[in-house]
Amino acid sequence: MIENIFNYSTKEEKTIEQIVQDDAAQINHMILPKDAALPEHYSNSNVYMIVMRGNLSLRLDDQEPHVYKYGQIVKIPFNTRMNVSNRDDQILEFMVVKAPHPKIFKKHLEVMENE
């Protein structure tokens, strides 16, 4: 078999799971019910949030929160402060793709700093 298969949860409850951990990318799957949120944190690579269901409420650095809908992909630059939440009644489901994987991105930054 040439391909790899990765499974992710299909539950209707809060879920945060790492799906893929390759050097090329890290892919996380998240399900947030109404009023659920992630802890404030900084992006540790190039981050792409793919909204699969519901509405993603996202505040980046000091900006006002923005809402992103099903079918949208949000690209977030490295080292951006993020506040992610679901303020709507509908369940929010999204994938987070970090490319390259944060450990590879960190090594790349260290090499650039030493040049």
PDB file of N, CA and C in Angstrom:
ATOM      1  N   MET A   1       0.846  -1.178   0.000  1.00  0.00           N
ATOM      2  CA  MET A   1       0.000   0.000   0.000  1.00  0.00           C
ATOM      3  C   MET A   1       0.891   1.241   0.000  1.00  0.00           C
ATOM      4  N   ILE A   2       0.705   2.096  -0.945  1.00  0.00           N
ATOM      5  CA  ILE A   2       1.517   3.297  -1.097  1.00  0.00           C
ATOM      6  C   ILE A   2       1.047   4.408  -0.156  1.00  0.00           C
ATOM      7  N   GLU A   3      -0.270   4.551  -0.039  1.00  0.00           N
ATOM      8  CA  GLU A   3      -0.828   5.657   0.727  1.00  0.00           C
ATOM      9  C   GLU A   3      -0.875   5.350   2.225  1.00  0.00           C
ATOM     10  N   ASN A   4      -0.977   6.407   3.015  1.00  0.00           N
ATOM     11  CA  ASN A   4      -1.217   6.295   4.452  1.00  0.00           C
ATOM     12  C   ASN A   4      -2.635   6.775   4.719  1.00  0.00           C
ATOM     13  N   ILE A   5      -3.286   6.154   5.669  1.00  0.00           N
ATOM     14  CA  ILE A   5      -4.642   6.535   6.044  1.00  0.00           C
ATOM     15  C   ILE A   5      -4.580   7.135   7.449  1.00  0.00           C
ATOM     16  N   PHE A   6      -5.216   8.275   7.643  1.00  0.00           N
ATOM     17  CA  PHE A   6      -5.285   8.925   8.950  1.00  0.00           C
ATOM     18  C   PHE A   6      -6.757   9.097   9.295  1.00  0.00           C
ATOM     19  N   ASN A   7      -7.157   8.655  10.450  1.00  0.00           N
ATOM     20  CA  ASN A   7      -8.542   8.771  10.895  1.00  0.00           C
ATOM     21  C   ASN A   7      -8.680   9.928  11.870  1.00  0.00           C
ATOM     22  N   TYR A   8      -9.853  10.555  11.859  1.00  0.00           N
ATOM     23  CA  TYR A   8     -10.143  11.587  12.844  1.00  0.00           C
ATOM     24  C   TYR A   8     -11.548  11.375  13.386  1.00  0.00           C
ATOM     25  N   SER A   9     -11.785  11.956  14.550  1.00  0.00           N
ATOM     26  CA  SER A   9     -13.033  11.773  15.277  1.00  0.00           C
ATOM     27  C   SER A   9     -14.220  12.339  14.510  1.00  0.00           C
ATOM     28  N   THR A  10     -15.360  11.696  14.687  1.00  0.00           N
ATOM     29  CA  THR A  10     -16.609  12.204  14.128  1.00  0.00           C
ATOM     30  C   THR A  10     -17.616  12.473  15.252  1.00  0.00           C
ATOM     31  N   LYS A  11     -17.117  12.637  16.481  1.00  0.00           N
ATOM     32  CA  LYS A  11     -17.972  12.923  17.642  1.00  0.00           C
ATOM     33  C   LYS A  11     -18.596  14.307  17.513  1.00  0.00           C
ATOM     34  N   GLU A  12     -19.563  14.574  18.341  1.00  0.00           N
ATOM     35  CA  GLU A  12     -20.218  15.875  18.397  1.00  0.00           C
ATOM     36  C   GLU A  12     -19.812  16.630  19.659  1.00  0.00           C
ATOM     37  N   GLU A  13     -18.729  16.228  20.315  1.00  0.00           N
ATOM     38  CA  GLU A  13     -18.277  16.870  21.538  1.00  0.00           C
ATOM     39  C   GLU A  13     -16.908  17.503  21.326  1.00  0.00           C
ATOM     40  N   LYS A  14     -16.483  18.327  22.286  1.00  0.00           N
ATOM     41  CA  LYS A  14     -15.203  19.007  22.146  1.00  0.00           C
ATOM     42  C   LYS A  14     -14.098  17.990  21.898  1.00  0.00           C
ATOM     43  N   THR A  15     -13.346  18.231  20.832  1.00  0.00           N
ATOM     44  CA  THR A  15     -12.282  17.322  20.415  1.00  0.00           C
ATOM     45  C   THR A  15     -11.102  18.140  19.925  1.00  0.00           C
ATOM     46  N   ILE A  16      -9.918  17.787  20.410  1.00  0.00           N
ATOM     47  CA  ILE A  16      -8.675  18.375  19.907  1.00  0.00           C
ATOM     48  C   ILE A  16      -7.716  17.209  19.711  1.00  0.00           C
ATOM     49  N   GLU A  17      -7.397  16.913  18.465  1.00  0.00           N
ATOM     50  CA  GLU A  17      -6.558  15.740  18.210  1.00  0.00           C
ATOM     51  C   GLU A  17      -5.536  16.011  17.118  1.00  0.00           C
ATOM     52  N   GLN A  18      -4.354  15.452  17.325  1.00  0.00           N
ATOM     53  CA  GLN A  18      -3.308  15.535  16.312  1.00  0.00           C
ATOM     54  C   GLN A  18      -3.498  14.349  15.372  1.00  0.00           C
ATOM     55  N   ILE A  19      -3.572  14.640  14.089  1.00  0.00           N
ATOM     56  CA  ILE A  19      -3.846  13.603  13.098  1.00  0.00           C
ATOM     57  C   ILE A  19      -2.572  13.193  12.363  1.00  0.00           C
ATOM     58  N   VAL A  20      -1.838  14.165  11.841  1.00  0.00           N
ATOM     59  CA  VAL A  20      -0.633  13.899  11.059  1.00  0.00           C
ATOM     60  C   VAL A  20       0.545  14.599  11.715  1.00  0.00           C
ATOM     61  N   GLN A  21       1.652  13.880  11.843  1.00  0.00           N
ATOM     62  CA  GLN A  21       2.879  14.427  12.425  1.00  0.00           C
ATOM     63  C   GLN A  21       4.061  14.110  11.507  1.00  0.00           C
ATOM     64  N   ASP A  22       4.054  14.679  10.319  1.00  0.00           N
ATOM     65  CA  ASP A  22       5.144  14.498   9.356  1.00  0.00           C
ATOM     66  C   ASP A  22       6.038  15.729   9.370  1.00  0.00           C
ATOM     67  N   ASP A  23       7.259  15.611   8.865  1.00  0.00           N
ATOM     68  CA  ASP A  23       8.124  16.785   8.755  1.00  0.00           C
ATOM     69  C   ASP A  23       7.498  17.861   7.873  1.00  0.00           C
ATOM     70  N   ALA A  24       6.808  17.437   6.835  1.00  0.00           N
ATOM     71  CA  ALA A  24       6.215  18.388   5.902  1.00  0.00           C
ATOM     72  C   ALA A  24       5.067  19.166   6.524  1.00  0.00           C
ATOM     73  N   ALA A  25       4.298  18.522   7.406  1.00  0.00           N
ATOM     74  CA  ALA A  25       3.124  19.188   7.962  1.00  0.00           C
ATOM     75  C   ALA A  25       2.659  18.518   9.239  1.00  0.00           C
ATOM     76  N   GLN A  26       2.011  19.312  10.049  1.00  0.00           N
ATOM     77  CA  GLN A  26       1.275  18.821  11.208  1.00  0.00           C
ATOM     78  C   GLN A  26      -0.186  19.167  10.941  1.00  0.00           C
ATOM     79  N   ILE A  27      -1.071  18.188  11.108  1.00  0.00           N
ATOM     80  CA  ILE A  27      -2.492  18.436  10.885  1.00  0.00           C
ATOM     81  C   ILE A  27      -3.255  18.058  12.144  1.00  0.00           C
ATOM     82  N   ASN A  28      -4.009  19.023  12.656  1.00  0.00           N
ATOM     83  CA  ASN A  28      -4.833  18.816  13.835  1.00  0.00           C
ATOM     84  C   ASN A  28      -6.295  18.970  13.457  1.00  0.00           C
ATOM     85  N   HIS A  29      -7.138  18.226  14.138  1.00  0.00           N
ATOM     86  CA  HIS A  29      -8.584  18.273  13.912  1.00  0.00           C
ATOM     87  C   HIS A  29      -9.240  18.754  15.199  1.00  0.00           C
ATOM     88  N   MET A  30     -10.185  19.684  15.086  1.00  0.00           N
ATOM     89  CA  MET A  30     -10.823  20.237  16.272  1.00  0.00           C
ATOM     90  C   MET A  30     -12.316  20.375  16.078  1.00  0.00           C
ATOM     91  N   ILE A  31     -13.043  20.061  17.149  1.00  0.00           N
ATOM     92  CA  ILE A  31     -14.483  20.260  17.209  1.00  0.00           C
ATOM     93  C   ILE A  31     -14.750  21.057  18.480  1.00  0.00           C
ATOM     94  N   LEU A  32     -15.426  22.199  18.324  1.00  0.00           N
ATOM     95  CA  LEU A  32     -15.745  23.046  19.468  1.00  0.00           C
ATOM     96  C   LEU A  32     -17.242  23.310  19.509  1.00  0.00           C
ATOM     97  N   PRO A  33     -17.927  22.905  20.599  1.00  0.00           N
ATOM     98  CA  PRO A  33     -19.333  23.272  20.748  1.00  0.00           C
ATOM     99  C   PRO A  33     -19.473  24.748  21.099  1.00  0.00           C
ATOM    100  N   LYS A  34     -20.691  25.227  21.195  1.00  0.00           N
ATOM    101  CA  LYS A  34     -20.956  26.628  21.510  1.00  0.00           C
ATOM    102  C   LYS A  34     -20.206  27.057  22.776  1.00  0.00           C
ATOM    103  N   ASP A  35     -19.586  28.231  22.701  1.00  0.00           N
ATOM    104  CA  ASP A  35     -18.861  28.875  23.805  1.00  0.00           C
ATOM    105  C   ASP A  35     -17.552  28.180  24.188  1.00  0.00           C
ATOM    106  N   ALA A  36     -17.126  27.170  23.446  1.00  0.00           N
ATOM    107  CA  ALA A  36     -15.831  26.537  23.703  1.00  0.00           C
ATOM    108  C   ALA A  36     -14.730  27.345  23.028  1.00  0.00           C
ATOM    109  N   ALA A  37     -13.541  27.271  23.594  1.00  0.00           N
ATOM    110  CA  ALA A  37     -12.411  28.033  23.053  1.00  0.00           C
ATOM    111  C   ALA A  37     -11.117  27.281  23.309  1.00  0.00           C
ATOM    112  N   LEU A  38     -10.096  27.666  22.557  1.00  0.00           N
ATOM    113  CA  LEU A  38      -8.745  27.165  22.793  1.00  0.00           C
ATOM    114  C   LEU A  38      -8.023  28.182  23.666  1.00  0.00           C
ATOM    115  N   PRO A  39      -7.025  27.750  24.431  1.00  0.00           N
ATOM    116  CA  PRO A  39      -6.233  28.720  25.183  1.00  0.00           C
ATOM    117  C   PRO A  39      -5.511  29.673  24.224  1.00  0.00           C
ATOM    118  N   GLU A  40      -5.349  30.915  24.635  1.00  0.00           N
ATOM    119  CA  GLU A  40      -4.587  31.862  23.815  1.00  0.00           C
ATOM    120  C   GLU A  40      -3.190  31.304  23.608  1.00  0.00           C
ATOM    121  N   HIS A  41      -2.707  31.410  22.369  1.00  0.00           N
ATOM    122  CA  HIS A  41      -1.375  30.902  22.052  1.00  0.00           C
ATOM    123  C   HIS A  41      -0.847  31.607  20.805  1.00  0.00           C
ATOM    124  N   TYR A  42       0.428  31.368  20.499  1.00  0.00           N
ATOM    125  CA  TYR A  42       1.077  31.956  19.326  1.00  0.00           C
ATOM    126  C   TYR A  42       1.288  30.880  18.274  1.00  0.00           C
ATOM    127  N   SER A  43       1.115  31.251  17.026  1.00  0.00           N
ATOM    128  CA  SER A  43       1.369  30.309  15.934  1.00  0.00           C
ATOM    129  C   SER A  43       2.854  29.957  15.907  1.00  0.00           C
ATOM    130  N   ASN A  44       3.139  28.668  15.777  1.00  0.00           N
ATOM    131  CA  ASN A  44       4.527  28.207  15.805  1.00  0.00           C
ATOM    132  C   ASN A  44       5.020  27.709  14.454  1.00  0.00           C
ATOM    133  N   SER A  45       4.291  28.056  13.403  1.00  0.00           N
ATOM    134  CA  SER A  45       4.668  27.767  12.017  1.00  0.00           C
ATOM    135  C   SER A  45       3.714  28.578  11.140  1.00  0.00           C
ATOM    136  N   ASN A  46       3.712  28.318   9.841  1.00  0.00           N
ATOM    137  CA  ASN A  46       2.664  28.858   8.976  1.00  0.00           C
ATOM    138  C   ASN A  46       1.418  28.031   9.274  1.00  0.00           C
ATOM    139  N   VAL A  47       0.321  28.690   9.610  1.00  0.00           N
ATOM    140  CA  VAL A  47      -0.888  27.984  10.038  1.00  0.00           C
ATOM    141  C   VAL A  47      -2.012  28.253   9.047  1.00  0.00           C
ATOM    142  N   TYR A  48      -2.711  27.187   8.677  1.00  0.00           N
ATOM    143  CA  TYR A  48      -3.878  27.266   7.813  1.00  0.00           C
ATOM    144  C   TYR A  48      -5.044  26.628   8.550  1.00  0.00           C
ATOM    145  N   MET A  49      -6.101  27.396   8.799  1.00  0.00           N
ATOM    146  CA  MET A  49      -7.299  26.868   9.452  1.00  0.00           C
ATOM    147  C   MET A  49      -8.370  26.668   8.394  1.00  0.00           C
ATOM    148  N   ILE A  50      -8.840  25.440   8.276  1.00  0.00           N
ATOM    149  CA  ILE A  50      -9.826  25.069   7.271  1.00  0.00           C
ATOM    150  C   ILE A  50     -11.156  24.827   7.979  1.00  0.00           C
ATOM    151  N   VAL A  51     -12.116  25.714   7.753  1.00  0.00           N
ATOM    152  CA  VAL A  51     -13.414  25.608   8.420  1.00  0.00           C
ATOM    153  C   VAL A  51     -14.260  24.576   7.680  1.00  0.00           C
ATOM    154  N   MET A  52     -14.607  23.512   8.387  1.00  0.00           N
ATOM    155  CA  MET A  52     -15.362  22.405   7.797  1.00  0.00           C
ATOM    156  C   MET A  52     -16.847  22.436   8.162  1.00  0.00           C
ATOM    157  N   ARG A  53     -17.159  23.125   9.269  1.00  0.00           N
ATOM    158  CA  ARG A  53     -18.549  23.202   9.731  1.00  0.00           C
ATOM    159  C   ARG A  53     -18.649  24.337  10.743  1.00  0.00           C
ATOM    160  N   GLY A  54     -19.699  25.111  10.685  1.00  0.00           N
ATOM    161  CA  GLY A  54     -19.916  26.177  11.645  1.00  0.00           C
ATOM    162  C   GLY A  54     -19.157  27.443  11.306  1.00  0.00           C
ATOM    163  N   ASN A  55     -18.974  28.282  12.328  1.00  0.00           N
ATOM    164  CA  ASN A  55     -18.307  29.576  12.177  1.00  0.00           C
ATOM    165  C   ASN A  55     -17.177  29.696  13.185  1.00  0.00           C
ATOM    166  N   LEU A  56     -16.007  30.015  12.690  1.00  0.00           N
ATOM    167  CA  LEU A  56     -14.798  30.154  13.498  1.00  0.00           C
ATOM    168  C   LEU A  56     -14.643  31.609  13.912  1.00  0.00           C
ATOM    169  N   SER A  57     -14.649  31.892  15.213  1.00  0.00           N
ATOM    170  CA  SER A  57     -14.361  33.232  15.721  1.00  0.00           C
ATOM    171  C   SER A  57     -12.878  33.288  16.043  1.00  0.00           C
ATOM    172  N   LEU A  58     -12.190  34.258  15.454  1.00  0.00           N
ATOM    173  CA  LEU A  58     -10.734  34.302  15.548  1.00  0.00           C
ATOM    174  C   LEU A  58     -10.263  35.730  15.779  1.00  0.00           C
ATOM    175  N   ARG A  59      -9.523  35.906  16.856  1.00  0.00           N
ATOM    176  CA  ARG A  59      -8.882  37.200  17.103  1.00  0.00           C
ATOM    177  C   ARG A  59      -7.379  36.989  16.985  1.00  0.00           C
ATOM    178  N   LEU A  60      -6.739  37.787  16.131  1.00  0.00           N
ATOM    179  CA  LEU A  60      -5.303  37.691  15.888  1.00  0.00           C
ATOM    180  C   LEU A  60      -4.621  38.952  16.408  1.00  0.00           C
ATOM    181  N   ASP A  61      -3.580  38.770  17.212  1.00  0.00           N
ATOM    182  CA  ASP A  61      -2.864  39.881  17.838  1.00  0.00           C
ATOM    183  C   ASP A  61      -3.870  40.853  18.451  1.00  0.00           C
ATOM    184  N   ASP A  62      -3.817  42.143  18.089  1.00  0.00           N
ATOM    185  CA  ASP A  62      -4.700  43.146  18.687  1.00  0.00           C
ATOM    186  C   ASP A  62      -5.908  43.496  17.807  1.00  0.00           C
ATOM    187  N   GLN A  63      -6.145  42.709  16.764  1.00  0.00           N
ATOM    188  CA  GLN A  63      -7.292  42.961  15.896  1.00  0.00           C
ATOM    189  C   GLN A  63      -8.595  42.631  16.618  1.00  0.00           C
ATOM    190  N   GLU A  64      -9.674  43.189  16.107  1.00  0.00           N
ATOM    191  CA  GLU A  64     -11.005  42.782  16.559  1.00  0.00           C
ATOM    192  C   GLU A  64     -11.244  41.350  16.074  1.00  0.00           C
ATOM    193  N   PRO A  65     -12.067  40.580  16.778  1.00  0.00           N
ATOM    194  CA  PRO A  65     -12.375  39.216  16.299  1.00  0.00           C
ATOM    195  C   PRO A  65     -13.058  39.249  14.932  1.00  0.00           C
ATOM    196  N   HIS A  66     -12.720  38.278  14.107  1.00  0.00           N
ATOM    197  CA  HIS A  66     -13.361  38.085  12.807  1.00  0.00           C
ATOM    198  C   HIS A  66     -14.025  36.708  12.818  1.00  0.00           C
ATOM    199  N   VAL A  67     -15.040  36.552  11.997  1.00  0.00           N
ATOM    200  CA  VAL A  67     -15.730  35.274  11.886  1.00  0.00           C
ATOM    201  C   VAL A  67     -15.489  34.710  10.494  1.00  0.00           C
ATOM    202  N   TYR A  68     -15.096  33.442  10.454  1.00  0.00           N
ATOM    203  CA  TYR A  68     -14.833  32.740   9.198  1.00  0.00           C
ATOM    204  C   TYR A  68     -15.796  31.574   9.113  1.00  0.00           C
ATOM    205  N   LYS A  69     -16.318  31.327   7.914  1.00  0.00           N
ATOM    206  CA  LYS A  69     -17.409  30.381   7.722  1.00  0.00           C
ATOM    207  C   LYS A  69     -16.960  29.117   7.013  1.00  0.00           C
ATOM    208  N   TYR A  70     -17.838  28.139   7.092  1.00  0.00           N
ATOM    209  CA  TYR A  70     -17.664  26.878   6.378  1.00  0.00           C
ATOM    210  C   TYR A  70     -17.231  27.154   4.944  1.00  0.00           C
ATOM    211  N   GLY A  71     -16.190  26.474   4.508  1.00  0.00           N
ATOM    212  CA  GLY A  71     -15.698  26.653   3.143  1.00  0.00           C
ATOM    213  C   GLY A  71     -14.565  27.653   3.029  1.00  0.00           C
ATOM    214  N   GLN A  72     -14.179  28.287   4.135  1.00  0.00           N
ATOM    215  CA  GLN A  72     -13.082  29.248   4.086  1.00  0.00           C
ATOM    216  C   GLN A  72     -11.821  28.662   4.724  1.00  0.00           C
ATOM    217  N   ILE A  73     -10.671  29.119   4.218  1.00  0.00           N
ATOM    218  CA  ILE A  73      -9.369  28.759   4.771  1.00  0.00           C
ATOM    219  C   ILE A  73      -8.691  30.049   5.190  1.00  0.00           C
ATOM    220  N   VAL A  74      -8.204  30.074   6.428  1.00  0.00           N
ATOM    221  CA  VAL A  74      -7.547  31.258   6.972  1.00  0.00           C
ATOM    222  C   VAL A  74      -6.059  30.948   7.121  1.00  0.00           C
ATOM    223  N   LYS A  75      -5.208  31.780   6.511  1.00  0.00           N
ATOM    224  CA  LYS A  75      -3.756  31.627   6.648  1.00  0.00           C
ATOM    225  C   LYS A  75      -3.272  32.607   7.717  1.00  0.00           C
ATOM    226  N   ILE A  76      -2.524  32.076   8.687  1.00  0.00           N
ATOM    227  CA  ILE A  76      -2.030  32.875   9.808  1.00  0.00           C
ATOM    228  C   ILE A  76      -0.508  32.798   9.816  1.00  0.00           C
ATOM    229  N   PRO A  77       0.169  33.948   9.825  1.00  0.00           N
ATOM    230  CA  PRO A  77       1.633  33.940   9.809  1.00  0.00           C
ATOM    231  C   PRO A  77       2.231  33.438  11.125  1.00  0.00           C
ATOM    232  N   PHE A  78       3.476  33.031  11.048  1.00  0.00           N
ATOM    233  CA  PHE A  78       4.255  32.589  12.212  1.00  0.00           C
ATOM    234  C   PHE A  78       4.255  33.666  13.299  1.00  0.00           C
ATOM    235  N   ASN A  79       4.207  33.238  14.543  1.00  0.00           N
ATOM    236  CA  ASN A  79       4.353  34.075  15.732  1.00  0.00           C
ATOM    237  C   ASN A  79       3.228  35.111  15.882  1.00  0.00           C
ATOM    238  N   THR A  80       2.023  34.713  15.504  1.00  0.00           N
ATOM    239  CA  THR A  80       0.841  35.562  15.658  1.00  0.00           C
ATOM    240  C   THR A  80       0.045  35.068  16.866  1.00  0.00           C
ATOM    241  N   ARG A  81      -0.348  35.993  17.754  1.00  0.00           N
ATOM    242  CA  ARG A  81      -1.164  35.624  18.917  1.00  0.00           C
ATOM    243  C   ARG A  81      -2.571  35.304  18.430  1.00  0.00           C
ATOM    244  N   MET A  82      -3.094  34.157  18.888  1.00  0.00           N
ATOM    245  CA  MET A  82      -4.384  33.682  18.405  1.00  0.00           C
ATOM    246  C   MET A  82      -5.339  33.394  19.558  1.00  0.00           C
ATOM    247  N   ASN A  83      -6.578  33.810  19.363  1.00  0.00           N
ATOM    248  CA  ASN A  83      -7.680  33.447  20.244  1.00  0.00           C
ATOM    249  C   ASN A  83      -8.752  32.826  19.371  1.00  0.00           C
ATOM    250  N   VAL A  84      -8.993  31.538  19.577  1.00  0.00           N
ATOM    251  CA  VAL A  84      -9.910  30.767  18.741  1.00  0.00           C
ATOM    252  C   VAL A  84     -11.107  30.356  19.587  1.00  0.00           C
ATOM    253  N   SER A  85     -12.329  30.578  19.056  1.00  0.00           N
ATOM    254  CA  SER A  85     -13.518  30.191  19.815  1.00  0.00           C
ATOM    255  C   SER A  85     -14.703  29.936  18.887  1.00  0.00           C
ATOM    256  N   ASN A  86     -15.739  29.362  19.480  1.00  0.00           N
ATOM    257  CA  ASN A  86     -17.016  29.163  18.793  1.00  0.00           C
ATOM    258  C   ASN A  86     -18.070  29.945  19.564  1.00  0.00           C
ATOM    259  N   ARG A  87     -18.574  30.996  18.984  1.00  0.00           N
ATOM    260  CA  ARG A  87     -19.598  31.834  19.629  1.00  0.00           C
ATOM    261  C   ARG A  87     -21.003  31.535  19.121  1.00  0.00           C
ATOM    262  N   ASP A  88     -21.122  30.573  18.229  1.00  0.00           N
ATOM    263  CA  ASP A  88     -22.417  30.276  17.608  1.00  0.00           C
ATOM    264  C   ASP A  88     -23.037  29.012  18.198  1.00  0.00           C
ATOM    265  N   ASP A  89     -24.340  28.843  17.936  1.00  0.00           N
ATOM    266  CA  ASP A  89     -25.055  27.650  18.410  1.00  0.00           C
ATOM    267  C   ASP A  89     -24.579  26.385  17.706  1.00  0.00           C
ATOM    268  N   GLN A  90     -24.244  26.504  16.425  1.00  0.00           N
ATOM    269  CA  GLN A  90     -23.819  25.345  15.635  1.00  0.00           C
ATOM    270  C   GLN A  90     -22.416  24.895  16.052  1.00  0.00           C
ATOM    271  N   ILE A  91     -22.177  23.606  16.009  1.00  0.00           N
ATOM    272  CA  ILE A  91     -20.854  23.067  16.309  1.00  0.00           C
ATOM    273  C   ILE A  91     -19.853  23.586  15.282  1.00  0.00           C
ATOM    274  N   LEU A  92     -18.665  23.926  15.755  1.00  0.00           N
ATOM    275  CA  LEU A  92     -17.563  24.350  14.890  1.00  0.00           C
ATOM    276  C   LEU A  92     -16.614  23.181  14.720  1.00  0.00           C
ATOM    277  N   GLU A  93     -16.284  22.867  13.471  1.00  0.00           N
ATOM    278  CA  GLU A  93     -15.305  21.826  13.173  1.00  0.00           C
ATOM    279  C   GLU A  93     -14.311  22.399  12.177  1.00  0.00           C
ATOM    280  N   PHE A  94     -13.016  22.209  12.467  1.00  0.00           N
ATOM    281  CA  PHE A  94     -12.001  22.724  11.558  1.00  0.00           C
ATOM    282  C   PHE A  94     -10.716  21.910  11.665  1.00  0.00           C
ATOM    283  N   MET A  95      -9.927  22.011  10.623  1.00  0.00           N
ATOM    284  CA  MET A  95      -8.601  21.405  10.585  1.00  0.00           C
ATOM    285  C   MET A  95      -7.577  22.525  10.688  1.00  0.00           C
ATOM    286  N   VAL A  96      -6.482  22.232  11.353  1.00  0.00           N
ATOM    287  CA  VAL A  96      -5.359  23.166  11.444  1.00  0.00           C
ATOM    288  C   VAL A  96      -4.166  22.490  10.792  1.00  0.00           C
ATOM    289  N   VAL A  97      -3.669  23.097   9.725  1.00  0.00           N
ATOM    290  CA  VAL A  97      -2.490  22.577   9.025  1.00  0.00           C
ATOM    291  C   VAL A  97      -1.332  23.505   9.318  1.00  0.00           C
ATOM    292  N   LYS A  98      -0.252  22.942   9.854  1.00  0.00           N
ATOM    293  CA  LYS A  98       0.965  23.709  10.110  1.00  0.00           C
ATOM    294  C   LYS A  98       2.023  23.183   9.154  1.00  0.00           C
ATOM    295  N   ALA A  99       2.516  24.073   8.294  1.00  0.00           N
ATOM    296  CA  ALA A  99       3.472  23.650   7.278  1.00  0.00           C
ATOM    297  C   ALA A  99       4.607  24.657   7.178  1.00  0.00           C
ATOM    298  N   PRO A 100       5.836  24.198   7.331  1.00  0.00           N
ATOM    299  CA  PRO A 100       6.205  22.840   7.713  1.00  0.00           C
ATOM    300  C   PRO A 100       5.858  22.565   9.175  1.00  0.00           C
ATOM    301  N   HIS A 101       6.053  21.314   9.586  1.00  0.00           N
ATOM    302  CA  HIS A 101       5.835  20.934  10.984  1.00  0.00           C
ATOM    303  C   HIS A 101       6.607  21.918  11.863  1.00  0.00           C
ATOM    304  N   PRO A 102       6.057  22.343  12.995  1.00  0.00           N
ATOM    305  CA  PRO A 102       6.743  23.325  13.841  1.00  0.00           C
ATOM    306  C   PRO A 102       8.182  22.977  14.218  1.00  0.00           C
ATOM    307  N   LYS A 103       8.489  21.703  14.413  1.00  0.00           N
ATOM    308  CA  LYS A 103       9.878  21.361  14.762  1.00  0.00           C
ATOM    309  C   LYS A 103      10.823  21.651  13.598  1.00  0.00           C
ATOM    310  N   ILE A 104      10.374  21.460  12.374  1.00  0.00           N
ATOM    311  CA  ILE A 104      11.192  21.764  11.197  1.00  0.00           C
ATOM    312  C   ILE A 104      11.277  23.281  11.012  1.00  0.00           C
ATOM    313  N   PHE A 105      10.167  23.977  11.214  1.00  0.00           N
ATOM    314  CA  PHE A 105      10.141  25.433  11.096  1.00  0.00           C
ATOM    315  C   PHE A 105      11.117  26.049  12.095  1.00  0.00           C
ATOM    316  N   LYS A 106      11.136  25.531  13.311  1.00  0.00           N
ATOM    317  CA  LYS A 106      12.043  26.034  14.352  1.00  0.00           C
ATOM    318  C   LYS A 106      13.506  25.843  13.939  1.00  0.00           C
ATOM    319  N   LYS A 107      13.830  24.669  13.409  1.00  0.00           N
ATOM    320  CA  LYS A 107      15.200  24.422  12.942  1.00  0.00           C
ATOM    321  C   LYS A 107      15.584  25.393  11.835  1.00  0.00           C
ATOM    322  N   HIS A 108      14.654  25.655  10.921  1.00  0.00           N
ATOM    323  CA  HIS A 108      14.898  26.597   9.826  1.00  0.00           C
ATOM    324  C   HIS A 108      15.191  27.989  10.378  1.00  0.00           C
ATOM    325  N   LEU A 109      14.411  28.432  11.368  1.00  0.00           N
ATOM    326  CA  LEU A 109      14.635  29.746  11.978  1.00  0.00           C
ATOM    327  C   LEU A 109      15.998  29.821  12.661  1.00  0.00           C
ATOM    328  N   GLU A 110      16.392  28.745  13.348  1.00  0.00           N
ATOM    329  CA  GLU A 110      17.693  28.722  14.029  1.00  0.00           C
ATOM    330  C   GLU A 110      18.843  28.840  13.031  1.00  0.00           C
ATOM    331  N   VAL A 111      18.720  28.167  11.880  1.00  0.00           N
ATOM    332  CA  VAL A 111      19.753  28.244  10.854  1.00  0.00           C
ATOM    333  C   VAL A 111      19.839  29.667  10.310  1.00  0.00           C
ATOM    334  N   MET A 112      18.689  30.291  10.073  1.00  0.00           N
ATOM    335  CA  MET A 112      18.674  31.663   9.548  1.00  0.00           C
ATOM    336  C   MET A 112      19.276  32.640  10.549  1.00  0.00           C
ATOM    337  N   GLU A 113      19.045  32.450  11.829  1.00  0.00           N
ATOM    338  CA  GLU A 113      19.588  33.324  12.855  1.00  0.00           C
ATOM    339  C   GLU A 113      21.116  33.221  12.951  1.00  0.00           C
ATOM    340  N   ASN A 114      21.642  32.024  12.656  1.00  0.00           N
ATOM    341  CA  ASN A 114      23.081  31.791  12.759  1.00  0.00           C
ATOM    342  C   ASN A 114      23.848  32.180  11.512  1.00  0.00           C
ATOM    343  N   GLU A 115      23.152  32.565  10.466  1.00  0.00           N
ATOM    344  CA  GLU A 115      23.848  32.948   9.219  1.00  0.00           C
ATOM    345  C   GLU A 115      24.262  34.392   9.251  1.00  0.00           C
TER     346      GLU A 115
END
